Amino acid sequence: MGNQPRTRQQLLPLKLLAIRKCLKVGQTEMANVLQSKILSHFDRRYDLKPGRISEYEKEQREPNLFVLTAYARLAQVYLESVADDRVTVKEFRRLLGKEGYSKDLV
């Protein structure tokens, strides 16, 4: 088997960007909202800097499961639709549009 790098989701960065754009927030606000969502749902503090949001969107880093779950909860979509590359970005944007976001992000 060896030490082969694990397969990464190719569409994840575009889907995370699509979520942020759909919510109409900047990277700083997105970091704050994700932190709040993690604290409220998992009862766990998680320090998330705005620069990390940029790294996720530019495929320089992958979010951990807490952050990824918070993204899905904010977007009101299934986590699987965020993580699964079989769901295209076009289909994902359609899912985002159908969900009807709450204006209250937290």
Protein backbone atom coordinates (compact mmCIF):
# COMPACT_ATOMS: atom_id res chain seq x y z
CA MET A 1 0.00 0.00 0.00
CA GLY A 2 2.73 2.51 0.89
CA ASN A 3 2.43 6.10 1.91
CA GLN A 4 0.18 7.45 -0.80
CA PRO A 5 -1.48 10.80 -0.18
CA ARG A 6 -5.15 10.55 0.61
CA THR A 7 -7.61 11.53 -2.08
CA ARG A 8 -8.94 15.06 -1.65
CA GLN A 9 -12.29 16.40 -2.73
CA GLN A 10 -11.63 18.53 -5.79
CA LEU A 11 -14.87 20.54 -5.58
CA LEU A 12 -14.78 21.30 -1.86
CA PRO A 13 -13.06 24.71 -2.17
CA LEU A 14 -15.60 25.89 -4.75
CA LYS A 15 -18.51 24.67 -2.64
CA LEU A 16 -17.20 26.45 0.46
CA LEU A 17 -16.83 29.64 -1.55
CA ALA A 18 -20.36 29.17 -2.91
CA ILE A 19 -21.71 28.90 0.64
CA ARG A 20 -19.98 32.09 1.71
CA LYS A 21 -21.12 33.97 -1.40
CA CYS A 22 -24.69 32.73 -0.96
CA LEU A 23 -24.66 33.97 2.63
CA LYS A 24 -23.26 37.30 1.36
CA VAL A 25 -20.55 37.53 4.00
CA GLY A 26 -16.84 38.30 3.88
CA GLN A 27 -14.13 36.02 5.16
CA THR A 28 -13.94 37.73 8.56
CA GLU A 29 -17.66 37.40 9.19
CA MET A 30 -17.62 33.81 7.89
CA ALA A 31 -14.90 32.90 10.38
CA ASN A 32 -16.91 34.47 13.21
CA VAL A 33 -20.15 32.79 12.19
CA LEU A 34 -18.47 29.38 11.87
CA GLN A 35 -16.91 29.79 15.33
CA SER A 36 -20.32 30.61 16.80
CA LYS A 37 -21.94 27.65 15.05
CA ILE A 38 -19.26 25.28 16.36
CA LEU A 39 -19.64 26.64 19.88
CA SER A 40 -23.43 26.43 19.85
CA HIS A 41 -23.67 22.99 18.27
CA PHE A 42 -20.64 21.18 19.68
CA ASP A 43 -20.24 23.23 22.88
CA ARG A 44 -16.61 23.62 21.90
CA ARG A 45 -14.53 26.75 21.35
CA TYR A 46 -12.68 26.80 18.06
CA ASP A 47 -10.38 29.64 17.04
CA LEU A 48 -10.81 30.31 13.34
CA LYS A 49 -8.99 33.18 11.65
CA PRO A 50 -10.30 34.84 8.46
CA GLY A 51 -7.12 33.80 6.63
CA ARG A 52 -8.09 30.17 7.17
CA ILE A 53 -11.30 30.76 5.20
CA SER A 54 -9.17 31.96 2.29
CA GLU A 55 -6.96 28.87 2.57
CA TYR A 56 -10.02 26.60 2.42
CA GLU A 57 -11.33 28.40 -0.67
CA LYS A 58 -7.94 28.29 -2.43
CA GLU A 59 -7.42 24.56 -1.73
CA GLN A 60 -4.39 25.29 0.44
CA ARG A 61 -6.01 23.60 3.44
CA GLU A 62 -8.96 21.34 4.19
CA PRO A 63 -11.35 22.17 7.01
CA ASN A 64 -11.66 19.68 9.84
CA LEU A 65 -14.94 17.92 10.50
CA PHE A 66 -16.16 20.52 13.02
CA VAL A 67 -15.67 23.33 10.52
CA LEU A 68 -17.11 21.35 7.60
CA THR A 69 -20.19 20.46 9.63
CA ALA A 70 -20.63 24.11 10.60
CA TYR A 71 -20.47 25.12 6.93
CA ALA A 72 -23.18 22.58 6.06
CA ARG A 73 -25.38 23.68 8.95
CA LEU A 74 -25.04 27.34 7.96
CA ALA A 75 -25.91 26.48 4.37
CA GLN A 76 -28.78 24.27 5.51
CA VAL A 77 -27.61 21.44 3.25
CA TYR A 78 -26.54 17.90 3.92
CA LEU A 79 -22.87 17.49 4.76
CA GLU A 80 -22.65 14.82 2.08
CA SER A 81 -23.59 17.35 -0.61
CA VAL A 82 -20.67 19.53 0.48
CA ALA A 83 -18.12 16.73 0.64
CA ASP A 84 -19.17 14.50 -2.27
CA ASP A 85 -17.59 15.41 -5.61
CA ARG A 86 -20.39 13.55 -7.38
CA VAL A 87 -22.53 16.59 -6.50
CA THR A 88 -21.31 19.14 -9.04
CA VAL A 89 -20.83 22.80 -8.16
CA LYS A 90 -23.77 23.66 -10.42
CA GLU A 91 -26.03 21.18 -8.61
CA PHE A 92 -24.71 22.41 -5.27
CA ARG A 93 -25.52 26.03 -6.10
CA ARG A 94 -29.02 24.90 -7.00
CA LEU A 95 -29.31 23.23 -3.59
CA LEU A 96 -28.18 26.45 -1.92
CA GLY A 97 -30.81 28.43 -3.79
CA LYS A 98 -33.61 26.03 -2.84
CA GLU A 99 -32.89 26.07 0.85
CA GLY A 100 -33.94 29.68 1.50
CA TYR A 101 -31.45 31.03 3.98
CA SER A 102 -32.32 32.60 7.24
CA LYS A 103 -31.07 36.17 7.48
CA ASP A 104 -29.98 35.39 11.03
CA LEU A 105 -26.70 33.59 10.40
CA VAL A 106 -26.02 32.39 13.92
